[in-house]
Amino acid sequence: MERVLELDVQYTDDVRGMENLPTKAQIKKWVNASLADSIGSAQLTVRITGVQESRHLNEKYRYGKGPTNVLSFPFEQPDWLQPPLLGDLVICADLVAQEAREQGKTNEAHWTHLVVHGVLHLLGLDHETRTQAVVMEEQERVIMAQLGYPDPYAEQIAGC
């Protein structure tokens, strides 16, 4: 059975017209690669925001300070909801561009990584402990390689 992915991509007014934003087709490709064989059909929302909304959501729901690059809001759904609603990803376009420059990555590679990372959170993976981080990062490396992108953690490993 072929996977059906219902994907809603939202661009807030403060990011419309920004350069190097991914298209819905790109995001869909990255989400599908992240889902792999872990789930059949699914639906989710990817909301691309500016700094102000990212800061507000991070402080209100994650109790963090300031904006963050990606927030994942998994959805605990009733069994009858089909296809399954995984949840929402909120990605701060300004921070993605800034981090890509600082880390010497292409915008596209960094966007891809953050979408993959966020989807894995929606699927239940985490990086709160070192053991969890090792598992999640390895999954990210595999997906990124399958998509043709470099290891997103290569610089961190080299710098250890």
N, C-alpha and C. Protein backbone atom coordinates (compact mmCIF):
# COMPACT_ATOMS: atom_id res chain seq x y z
N MET A 1 0.84 -1.19 0.00
CA MET A 1 0.00 0.00 0.00
C MET A 1 0.88 1.25 0.00
N GLU A 2 0.56 2.16 -0.86
CA GLU A 2 1.34 3.40 -0.98
C GLU A 2 1.00 4.35 0.15
N ARG A 3 2.04 5.01 0.65
CA ARG A 3 1.83 6.00 1.72
C ARG A 3 1.14 7.23 1.17
N VAL A 4 0.19 7.73 1.93
CA VAL A 4 -0.44 9.00 1.63
C VAL A 4 0.03 9.98 2.69
N LEU A 5 0.66 11.04 2.24
CA LEU A 5 1.12 12.07 3.16
C LEU A 5 0.33 13.33 2.92
N GLU A 6 -0.45 13.70 3.91
CA GLU A 6 -1.18 14.97 3.86
C GLU A 6 -0.33 15.99 4.60
N LEU A 7 0.24 16.90 3.84
CA LEU A 7 1.19 17.87 4.38
C LEU A 7 0.67 19.28 4.16
N ASP A 8 0.57 20.00 5.25
CA ASP A 8 0.19 21.41 5.19
C ASP A 8 1.45 22.22 5.49
N VAL A 9 1.89 23.04 4.54
CA VAL A 9 3.05 23.90 4.75
C VAL A 9 2.56 25.33 4.84
N GLN A 10 2.88 25.98 5.93
CA GLN A 10 2.45 27.36 6.17
C GLN A 10 3.67 28.26 6.26
N TYR A 11 3.59 29.40 5.57
CA TYR A 11 4.64 30.41 5.64
C TYR A 11 4.02 31.66 6.26
N THR A 12 4.54 32.10 7.40
CA THR A 12 3.97 33.28 8.03
C THR A 12 4.35 34.53 7.24
N ASP A 13 3.60 35.59 7.43
CA ASP A 13 3.81 36.82 6.66
C ASP A 13 5.22 37.38 6.81
N ASP A 14 5.82 37.19 7.99
CA ASP A 14 7.15 37.77 8.20
C ASP A 14 8.27 36.98 7.52
N VAL A 15 7.96 35.86 6.87
CA VAL A 15 8.99 35.13 6.13
C VAL A 15 8.69 35.06 4.63
N ARG A 16 7.48 35.43 4.24
CA ARG A 16 7.14 35.41 2.82
C ARG A 16 8.12 36.29 2.06
N GLY A 17 8.63 35.78 0.96
CA GLY A 17 9.56 36.55 0.15
C GLY A 17 11.02 36.39 0.57
N MET A 18 11.25 35.71 1.70
CA MET A 18 12.65 35.46 2.09
C MET A 18 13.30 34.54 1.07
N GLU A 19 14.58 34.69 0.91
CA GLU A 19 15.33 33.82 0.00
C GLU A 19 15.56 32.47 0.65
N ASN A 20 15.74 31.47 -0.20
CA ASN A 20 16.17 30.14 0.22
C ASN A 20 15.18 29.38 1.11
N LEU A 21 13.90 29.70 1.02
CA LEU A 21 12.91 28.91 1.75
C LEU A 21 12.61 27.65 0.94
N PRO A 22 12.44 26.53 1.61
CA PRO A 22 12.14 25.30 0.87
C PRO A 22 10.72 25.32 0.31
N THR A 23 10.52 24.59 -0.76
CA THR A 23 9.19 24.46 -1.35
C THR A 23 8.44 23.34 -0.64
N LYS A 24 7.15 23.28 -0.87
CA LYS A 24 6.35 22.20 -0.30
C LYS A 24 6.83 20.86 -0.84
N ALA A 25 7.20 20.80 -2.10
CA ALA A 25 7.68 19.55 -2.70
C ALA A 25 8.96 19.08 -2.01
N GLN A 26 9.87 19.99 -1.71
CA GLN A 26 11.10 19.61 -1.01
C GLN A 26 10.78 19.07 0.39
N ILE A 27 9.94 19.80 1.11
CA ILE A 27 9.59 19.40 2.47
C ILE A 27 8.91 18.03 2.45
N LYS A 28 8.04 17.81 1.49
CA LYS A 28 7.35 16.52 1.39
C LYS A 28 8.35 15.39 1.16
N LYS A 29 9.33 15.61 0.32
CA LYS A 29 10.37 14.61 0.06
C LYS A 29 11.12 14.29 1.35
N TRP A 30 11.50 15.31 2.11
CA TRP A 30 12.25 15.13 3.34
C TRP A 30 11.41 14.41 4.40
N VAL A 31 10.13 14.78 4.49
CA VAL A 31 9.24 14.12 5.46
C VAL A 31 9.08 12.65 5.10
N ASN A 32 8.82 12.36 3.83
CA ASN A 32 8.66 10.97 3.40
C ASN A 32 9.90 10.15 3.72
N ALA A 33 11.08 10.70 3.49
CA ALA A 33 12.32 9.98 3.80
C ALA A 33 12.44 9.75 5.30
N SER A 34 11.99 10.68 6.10
CA SER A 34 12.06 10.56 7.55
C SER A 34 11.10 9.50 8.08
N LEU A 35 9.97 9.38 7.42
CA LEU A 35 8.98 8.40 7.85
C LEU A 35 9.41 6.98 7.49
N ALA A 36 10.13 6.84 6.37
CA ALA A 36 10.62 5.53 5.89
C ALA A 36 9.56 4.47 6.10
N ASP A 37 9.92 3.40 6.76
CA ASP A 37 8.99 2.29 6.99
C ASP A 37 8.35 2.34 8.37
N SER A 38 8.56 3.43 9.10
CA SER A 38 8.08 3.49 10.48
C SER A 38 6.58 3.72 10.60
N ILE A 39 5.99 4.24 9.56
CA ILE A 39 4.56 4.55 9.62
C ILE A 39 4.01 4.57 8.20
N GLY A 40 2.77 4.25 8.05
CA GLY A 40 2.13 4.30 6.74
C GLY A 40 1.73 5.72 6.42
N SER A 41 0.49 5.91 6.10
CA SER A 41 -0.01 7.24 5.77
C SER A 41 0.00 8.12 7.01
N ALA A 42 0.12 9.41 6.77
CA ALA A 42 0.20 10.35 7.89
C ALA A 42 -0.17 11.75 7.43
N GLN A 43 -0.45 12.59 8.40
CA GLN A 43 -0.65 14.00 8.11
C GLN A 43 0.11 14.82 9.17
N LEU A 44 0.65 15.96 8.71
CA LEU A 44 1.33 16.86 9.61
C LEU A 44 1.39 18.25 8.99
N THR A 45 1.70 19.20 9.84
CA THR A 45 1.85 20.59 9.42
C THR A 45 3.28 21.03 9.67
N VAL A 46 3.85 21.74 8.70
CA VAL A 46 5.15 22.39 8.88
C VAL A 46 4.88 23.88 8.74
N ARG A 47 5.15 24.61 9.81
CA ARG A 47 4.91 26.06 9.83
C ARG A 47 6.27 26.76 9.87
N ILE A 48 6.51 27.59 8.88
CA ILE A 48 7.77 28.32 8.78
C ILE A 48 7.52 29.74 9.26
N THR A 49 8.24 30.12 10.31
CA THR A 49 7.96 31.38 11.00
C THR A 49 9.19 32.27 11.06
N GLY A 50 8.96 33.43 11.62
CA GLY A 50 10.04 34.35 11.94
C GLY A 50 10.42 34.22 13.41
N VAL A 51 11.34 35.06 13.84
CA VAL A 51 11.89 35.02 15.19
C VAL A 51 10.82 35.24 16.26
N GLN A 52 9.95 36.21 16.05
CA GLN A 52 8.98 36.57 17.09
C GLN A 52 8.06 35.40 17.43
N GLU A 53 7.50 34.74 16.42
CA GLU A 53 6.60 33.62 16.69
C GLU A 53 7.36 32.45 17.30
N SER A 54 8.56 32.19 16.81
CA SER A 54 9.37 31.10 17.36
C SER A 54 9.66 31.35 18.84
N ARG A 55 10.03 32.57 19.18
CA ARG A 55 10.30 32.93 20.58
C ARG A 55 9.05 32.71 21.43
N HIS A 56 7.91 33.21 20.96
CA HIS A 56 6.66 33.09 21.71
C HIS A 56 6.30 31.62 21.97
N LEU A 57 6.36 30.78 20.93
CA LEU A 57 5.99 29.38 21.08
C LEU A 57 6.99 28.63 21.96
N ASN A 58 8.27 28.91 21.81
CA ASN A 58 9.29 28.25 22.63
C ASN A 58 9.10 28.60 24.10
N GLU A 59 8.87 29.87 24.38
CA GLU A 59 8.72 30.30 25.77
C GLU A 59 7.40 29.81 26.38
N LYS A 60 6.35 29.77 25.59
CA LYS A 60 5.05 29.36 26.11
C LYS A 60 4.93 27.85 26.28
N TYR A 61 5.42 27.08 25.32
CA TYR A 61 5.17 25.64 25.35
C TYR A 61 6.38 24.80 25.72
N ARG A 62 7.58 25.30 25.54
CA ARG A 62 8.77 24.51 25.86
C ARG A 62 9.58 25.14 27.00
N TYR A 63 9.13 26.29 27.48
CA TYR A 63 9.75 26.98 28.60
C TYR A 63 11.22 27.30 28.34
N GLY A 64 11.55 27.44 27.06
CA GLY A 64 12.88 27.86 26.67
C GLY A 64 12.93 29.37 26.63
N LYS A 65 14.12 29.90 26.46
CA LYS A 65 14.27 31.35 26.37
C LYS A 65 14.65 31.71 24.95
N GLY A 66 13.92 32.61 24.34
CA GLY A 66 14.22 33.08 23.00
C GLY A 66 13.74 32.13 21.93
N PRO A 67 14.03 32.48 20.68
CA PRO A 67 13.60 31.64 19.56
C PRO A 67 14.45 30.37 19.48
N THR A 68 13.95 29.39 18.77
CA THR A 68 14.70 28.16 18.54
C THR A 68 14.50 27.73 17.10
N ASN A 69 15.40 26.90 16.58
CA ASN A 69 15.34 26.57 15.16
C ASN A 69 14.14 25.70 14.80
N VAL A 70 13.83 24.67 15.60
CA VAL A 70 12.69 23.81 15.28
C VAL A 70 11.99 23.38 16.57
N LEU A 71 10.68 23.44 16.53
CA LEU A 71 9.84 22.95 17.62
C LEU A 71 8.96 21.85 17.06
N SER A 72 8.81 20.78 17.82
CA SER A 72 7.95 19.66 17.42
C SER A 72 6.82 19.55 18.42
N PHE A 73 5.61 19.48 17.90
CA PHE A 73 4.43 19.32 18.73
C PHE A 73 3.72 18.04 18.31
N PRO A 74 4.10 16.90 18.93
CA PRO A 74 3.43 15.65 18.58
C PRO A 74 1.96 15.69 18.99
N PHE A 75 1.16 14.94 18.28
CA PHE A 75 -0.28 14.88 18.53
C PHE A 75 -0.63 13.48 19.00
N GLU A 76 -1.25 13.40 20.16
CA GLU A 76 -1.73 12.11 20.65
C GLU A 76 -3.15 11.96 20.15
N GLN A 77 -3.32 11.08 19.21
CA GLN A 77 -4.57 10.98 18.49
C GLN A 77 -5.42 9.80 18.92
N PRO A 78 -6.69 9.92 18.68
CA PRO A 78 -7.56 8.76 18.88
C PRO A 78 -7.33 7.76 17.73
N ASP A 79 -7.56 6.49 18.00
CA ASP A 79 -7.33 5.45 17.00
C ASP A 79 -8.14 5.62 15.73
N TRP A 80 -9.29 6.23 15.83
CA TRP A 80 -10.19 6.33 14.68
C TRP A 80 -9.75 7.38 13.66
N LEU A 81 -8.82 8.26 14.01
CA LEU A 81 -8.41 9.33 13.10
C LEU A 81 -7.49 8.77 12.02
N GLN A 82 -7.92 8.86 10.78
CA GLN A 82 -7.14 8.32 9.66
C GLN A 82 -7.02 9.36 8.56
N PRO A 83 -5.86 9.54 7.91
CA PRO A 83 -4.61 8.94 8.34
C PRO A 83 -4.14 9.57 9.65
N PRO A 84 -3.21 8.92 10.33
CA PRO A 84 -2.75 9.43 11.62
C PRO A 84 -2.20 10.86 11.51
N LEU A 85 -2.56 11.68 12.47
CA LEU A 85 -2.03 13.04 12.56
C LEU A 85 -0.81 12.99 13.46
N LEU A 86 0.37 13.21 12.88
CA LEU A 86 1.61 13.14 13.66
C LEU A 86 1.78 14.36 14.55
N GLY A 87 1.43 15.54 14.04
CA GLY A 87 1.61 16.75 14.81
C GLY A 87 2.09 17.89 13.94
N ASP A 88 2.73 18.86 14.58
CA ASP A 88 3.18 20.08 13.90
C ASP A 88 4.67 20.30 14.13
N LEU A 89 5.32 20.82 13.10
CA LEU A 89 6.69 21.31 13.22
C LEU A 89 6.65 22.81 12.98
N VAL A 90 7.35 23.56 13.80
CA VAL A 90 7.49 25.00 13.61
C VAL A 90 8.98 25.27 13.45
N ILE A 91 9.34 25.84 12.31
CA ILE A 91 10.75 26.08 12.00
C ILE A 91 10.96 27.57 11.78
N CYS A 92 11.95 28.11 12.46
CA CYS A 92 12.27 29.54 12.38
C CYS A 92 13.24 29.79 11.22
N ALA A 93 12.74 30.38 10.15
CA ALA A 93 13.53 30.61 8.94
C ALA A 93 14.78 31.45 9.21
N ASP A 94 14.65 32.47 10.05
CA ASP A 94 15.79 33.34 10.34
C ASP A 94 16.93 32.56 11.00
N LEU A 95 16.58 31.70 11.94
CA LEU A 95 17.61 30.92 12.64
C LEU A 95 18.23 29.86 11.73
N VAL A 96 17.43 29.28 10.85
CA VAL A 96 17.97 28.29 9.91
C VAL A 96 19.04 28.95 9.05
N ALA A 97 18.74 30.12 8.51
CA ALA A 97 19.71 30.82 7.66
C ALA A 97 20.97 31.20 8.45
N GLN A 98 20.78 31.71 9.66
CA GLN A 98 21.91 32.11 10.50
C GLN A 98 22.78 30.90 10.86
N GLU A 99 22.15 29.81 11.28
CA GLU A 99 22.91 28.61 11.67
C GLU A 99 23.64 28.00 10.47
N ALA A 100 22.99 27.99 9.32
CA ALA A 100 23.64 27.44 8.11
C ALA A 100 24.93 28.21 7.81
N ARG A 101 24.85 29.55 7.88
CA ARG A 101 26.06 30.38 7.66
C ARG A 101 27.13 30.06 8.70
N GLU A 102 26.74 30.06 9.98
CA GLU A 102 27.70 29.85 11.07
C GLU A 102 28.34 28.46 11.00
N GLN A 103 27.59 27.46 10.55
CA GLN A 103 28.08 26.08 10.53
C GLN A 103 28.69 25.70 9.19
N GLY A 104 28.71 26.64 8.25
CA GLY A 104 29.30 26.37 6.94
C GLY A 104 28.52 25.33 6.14
N LYS A 105 27.22 25.32 6.30
CA LYS A 105 26.35 24.37 5.59
C LYS A 105 25.54 25.13 4.55
N THR A 106 25.05 24.41 3.56
CA THR A 106 24.12 25.05 2.64
C THR A 106 22.78 25.21 3.35
N ASN A 107 22.02 26.20 2.92
CA ASN A 107 20.68 26.38 3.48
C ASN A 107 19.85 25.13 3.29
N GLU A 108 19.92 24.56 2.09
CA GLU A 108 19.11 23.38 1.79
C GLU A 108 19.46 22.21 2.71
N ALA A 109 20.74 21.97 2.92
CA ALA A 109 21.14 20.87 3.80
C ALA A 109 20.67 21.09 5.22
N HIS A 110 20.74 22.33 5.69
CA HIS A 110 20.32 22.61 7.07
C HIS A 110 18.79 22.51 7.19
N TRP A 111 18.06 23.02 6.20
CA TRP A 111 16.60 22.87 6.21
C TRP A 111 16.23 21.39 6.25
N THR A 112 16.90 20.61 5.40
CA THR A 112 16.62 19.18 5.35
C THR A 112 16.83 18.54 6.71
N HIS A 113 17.96 18.86 7.32
CA HIS A 113 18.28 18.27 8.62
C HIS A 113 17.23 18.63 9.66
N LEU A 114 16.80 19.87 9.69
CA LEU A 114 15.84 20.28 10.71
C LEU A 114 14.47 19.65 10.49
N VAL A 115 14.07 19.47 9.23
CA VAL A 115 12.81 18.77 8.96
C VAL A 115 12.93 17.31 9.41
N VAL A 116 14.03 16.66 9.03
CA VAL A 116 14.26 15.27 9.44
C VAL A 116 14.25 15.16 10.97
N HIS A 117 14.99 16.03 11.62
CA HIS A 117 15.09 16.04 13.08
C HIS A 117 13.70 16.20 13.71
N GLY A 118 12.94 17.16 13.20
CA GLY A 118 11.61 17.41 13.75
C GLY A 118 10.67 16.23 13.55
N VAL A 119 10.70 15.62 12.37
CA VAL A 119 9.82 14.47 12.10
C VAL A 119 10.18 13.31 13.04
N LEU A 120 11.47 13.10 13.25
CA LEU A 120 11.87 12.03 14.18
C LEU A 120 11.34 12.29 15.59
N HIS A 121 11.31 13.55 16.00
CA HIS A 121 10.67 13.89 17.28
C HIS A 121 9.19 13.51 17.26
N LEU A 122 8.50 13.83 16.16
CA LEU A 122 7.09 13.50 16.06
C LEU A 122 6.85 11.99 16.12
N LEU A 123 7.85 11.23 15.69
CA LEU A 123 7.75 9.76 15.73
C LEU A 123 8.16 9.19 17.09
N GLY A 124 8.56 10.07 18.02
CA GLY A 124 8.85 9.62 19.37
C GLY A 124 10.32 9.56 19.75
N LEU A 125 11.22 9.86 18.83
CA LEU A 125 12.64 9.86 19.19
C LEU A 125 12.98 11.14 19.94
N ASP A 126 14.02 11.07 20.76
CA ASP A 126 14.43 12.23 21.54
C ASP A 126 15.94 12.20 21.74
N HIS A 127 16.47 13.24 22.37
CA HIS A 127 17.91 13.34 22.62
C HIS A 127 18.17 13.92 23.99
N GLU A 128 17.29 13.59 24.93
CA GLU A 128 17.45 14.09 26.30
C GLU A 128 18.62 13.42 27.02
N THR A 129 18.86 12.15 26.73
CA THR A 129 19.99 11.44 27.33
C THR A 129 21.01 11.15 26.23
N ARG A 130 22.22 10.83 26.63
CA ARG A 130 23.26 10.51 25.64
C ARG A 130 22.88 9.29 24.80
N THR A 131 22.29 8.29 25.44
CA THR A 131 21.86 7.09 24.71
C THR A 131 20.81 7.44 23.67
N GLN A 132 19.82 8.24 24.05
CA GLN A 132 18.78 8.67 23.10
C GLN A 132 19.41 9.46 21.96
N ALA A 133 20.33 10.34 22.30
CA ALA A 133 20.96 11.19 21.27
C ALA A 133 21.73 10.35 20.26
N VAL A 134 22.43 9.33 20.72
CA VAL A 134 23.19 8.47 19.81
C VAL A 134 22.24 7.80 18.82
N VAL A 135 21.13 7.27 19.32
CA VAL A 135 20.15 6.60 18.46
C VAL A 135 19.54 7.58 17.46
N MET A 136 19.12 8.74 17.95
CA MET A 136 18.46 9.72 17.08
C MET A 136 19.43 10.27 16.04
N GLU A 137 20.63 10.61 16.45
CA GLU A 137 21.61 11.17 15.52
C GLU A 137 21.99 10.16 14.44
N GLU A 138 22.09 8.90 14.79
CA GLU A 138 22.41 7.88 13.79
C GLU A 138 21.29 7.78 12.76
N GLN A 139 20.05 7.84 13.23
CA GLN A 139 18.91 7.81 12.31
C GLN A 139 18.94 9.03 11.39
N GLU A 140 19.27 10.18 11.93
CA GLU A 140 19.37 11.40 11.12
C GLU A 140 20.46 11.25 10.07
N ARG A 141 21.61 10.71 10.45
CA ARG A 141 22.71 10.52 9.50
C ARG A 141 22.30 9.61 8.35
N VAL A 142 21.61 8.52 8.66
CA VAL A 142 21.17 7.57 7.64
C VAL A 142 20.20 8.25 6.67
N ILE A 143 19.23 8.96 7.18
CA ILE A 143 18.23 9.63 6.34
C ILE A 143 18.89 10.70 5.48
N MET A 144 19.76 11.49 6.08
CA MET A 144 20.45 12.54 5.33
C MET A 144 21.28 11.94 4.20
N ALA A 145 21.98 10.85 4.48
CA ALA A 145 22.79 10.19 3.44
C ALA A 145 21.90 9.66 2.32
N GLN A 146 20.77 9.08 2.68
CA GLN A 146 19.84 8.57 1.66
C GLN A 146 19.33 9.69 0.77
N LEU A 147 19.22 10.88 1.33
CA LEU A 147 18.76 12.04 0.57
C LEU A 147 19.90 12.73 -0.18
N GLY A 148 21.13 12.27 0.04
CA GLY A 148 22.28 12.83 -0.67
C GLY A 148 22.94 14.02 0.01
N TYR A 149 22.73 14.17 1.31
CA TYR A 149 23.33 15.29 2.06
C TYR A 149 24.42 14.78 2.98
N PRO A 150 25.36 15.66 3.33
CA PRO A 150 26.44 15.24 4.24
C PRO A 150 25.94 15.02 5.67
N ASP A 151 26.77 14.35 6.44
CA ASP A 151 26.50 14.11 7.86
C ASP A 151 26.32 15.45 8.57
N PRO A 152 25.14 15.70 9.14
CA PRO A 152 24.91 17.01 9.79
C PRO A 152 25.71 17.20 11.06
N TYR A 153 26.28 16.11 11.58
CA TYR A 153 27.05 16.20 12.82
C TYR A 153 28.55 16.07 12.59
N ALA A 154 29.00 16.07 11.36
CA ALA A 154 30.41 15.85 11.05
C ALA A 154 31.32 16.85 11.75
N GLU A 155 30.94 18.12 11.79
CA GLU A 155 31.76 19.14 12.43
C GLU A 155 31.85 18.90 13.93
N GLN A 156 30.72 18.49 14.54
CA GLN A 156 30.73 18.24 15.98
C GLN A 156 31.65 17.08 16.33
N ILE A 157 31.63 16.05 15.48
CA ILE A 157 32.47 14.88 15.73
C ILE A 157 33.94 15.25 15.58
N ALA A 158 34.24 15.98 14.50
CA ALA A 158 35.63 16.37 14.25
C ALA A 158 36.17 17.27 15.36
N GLY A 159 35.28 18.08 15.95
CA GLY A 159 35.70 19.02 16.97
C GLY A 159 35.80 18.43 18.36
N CYS A 160 35.41 17.18 18.56
CA CYS A 160 35.44 16.56 19.89
C CYS A 160 36.84 16.32 20.37
